[in-house]
Protein backbone atom coordinates (compact mmCIF):
# COMPACT_ATOMS: atom_id res chain seq x y z
CA MET A 1 -18.27 -21.07 11.43
CA THR A 2 -19.45 -18.13 9.72
CA ASP A 3 -21.03 -18.27 6.40
CA LEU A 4 -17.76 -16.33 4.87
CA LYS A 5 -15.69 -18.95 6.37
CA ALA A 6 -17.85 -21.51 5.14
CA LYS A 7 -17.60 -20.51 1.12
CA ALA A 8 -13.89 -19.96 1.88
CA ILE A 9 -13.31 -23.57 2.71
CA LYS A 10 -15.78 -24.36 -0.54
CA ILE A 11 -13.82 -22.49 -2.82
CA ILE A 12 -10.79 -23.71 -1.73
CA GLU A 13 -12.01 -27.46 -1.83
CA ASN A 14 -12.96 -27.17 -5.60
CA PHE A 15 -9.40 -26.06 -5.76
CA PRO A 16 -6.96 -28.92 -7.53
CA ASP A 17 -4.58 -30.75 -5.44
CA ASP A 18 -1.66 -29.56 -8.37
CA ARG A 19 -2.80 -26.06 -7.85
CA MET A 20 -3.02 -25.94 -3.95
CA ASP A 21 1.13 -25.15 -3.19
CA TYR A 22 -0.36 -21.63 -4.77
CA VAL A 23 -3.55 -21.23 -3.08
CA LEU A 24 -1.21 -22.38 0.51
CA ARG A 25 1.15 -19.73 -0.41
CA ASN A 26 -1.28 -17.08 -0.79
CA LEU A 27 -3.15 -18.05 2.68
CA GLU A 28 0.27 -17.73 4.14
CA SER A 29 1.07 -14.54 2.65
CA LEU A 30 -2.32 -12.79 3.55
CA GLN A 31 -1.98 -14.40 7.30
CA GLU A 32 1.43 -12.26 7.58
CA ASN A 33 -0.45 -9.30 7.04
CA PHE A 34 -2.96 -9.79 9.11
CA LYS A 35 -0.50 -10.19 12.25
CA PRO A 36 -0.91 -8.21 14.95
CA VAL A 37 1.80 -5.18 15.08
CA ASP A 38 2.98 -3.52 18.33
CA LYS A 39 3.29 0.03 17.72
CA GLU A 40 7.12 0.24 17.80
CA GLU A 41 7.35 -2.03 14.92
CA ARG A 42 4.59 0.17 13.17
CA LYS A 43 6.66 3.48 13.89
CA ARG A 44 9.70 1.25 12.74
CA ARG A 45 7.62 0.85 9.28
CA ALA A 46 6.37 4.07 8.49
CA ASN A 47 10.01 5.94 9.49
CA GLU A 48 11.40 3.37 7.14
CA ALA A 49 8.88 3.72 4.20
CA LEU A 50 9.74 7.73 4.73
CA ALA A 51 13.32 6.83 4.46
CA LYS A 52 12.84 5.21 1.34
CA ILE A 53 10.38 7.70 -0.42
CA TYR A 54 13.36 10.77 1.00
CA GLU A 55 15.66 8.26 -1.14
CA ILE A 56 13.54 8.00 -4.22
CA MET A 57 13.12 12.08 -3.87
CA THR A 58 16.53 13.12 -3.48
CA PRO A 59 17.80 13.18 -6.70
CA TYR A 60 14.45 15.19 -8.05
CA ARG A 61 14.77 17.90 -5.32
CA ASP A 62 17.02 20.33 -7.34
CA LYS A 63 15.25 20.34 -10.15
CA PHE A 64 12.57 22.48 -8.75
CA PRO A 65 12.92 25.95 -8.18
CA LYS A 66 13.64 27.12 -4.22
CA ASP A 67 10.50 28.37 -3.99
CA PHE A 68 8.54 26.04 -5.40
CA ASP A 69 5.48 26.50 -3.87
CA CYS A 70 3.60 22.75 -4.71
CA LYS A 71 0.34 23.53 -2.64
CA LYS A 72 -0.02 26.54 -4.86
CA GLU A 73 0.96 25.15 -8.18
CA MET A 74 -2.06 22.12 -7.41
CA GLN A 75 -4.55 24.91 -6.50
CA GLU A 76 -3.59 26.99 -9.80
CA TYR A 77 -3.69 23.59 -11.42
CA ARG A 78 -7.68 22.43 -10.32
CA GLU A 79 -9.02 26.10 -11.08
CA GLU A 80 -7.06 25.42 -14.50
CA ARG A 81 -8.40 22.47 -15.24
CA TYR A 82 -11.48 21.88 -13.27
CA GLY A 83 -12.74 25.07 -12.20
CA ILE A 84 -12.11 25.13 -8.69
CA ALA A 85 -9.45 25.64 -5.62
């Protein structure tokens, strides 16, 4: 067992029994985040996240002029604020 695992186990052992449900829920949540995910699942999740972003952006899209250049605006802001491009 590595030193890190031993340290983690020692911390868990010091938790009171009435709080172990909290510890267990957090460990299970962490475990879910570290499960291996295949390439297709990653792609599906990325596309789903992108779709959510587009959904959030839709109401604001019409508020900017058609010729709005985000990169140009950022460059001008940086020059004005920090004196750099």
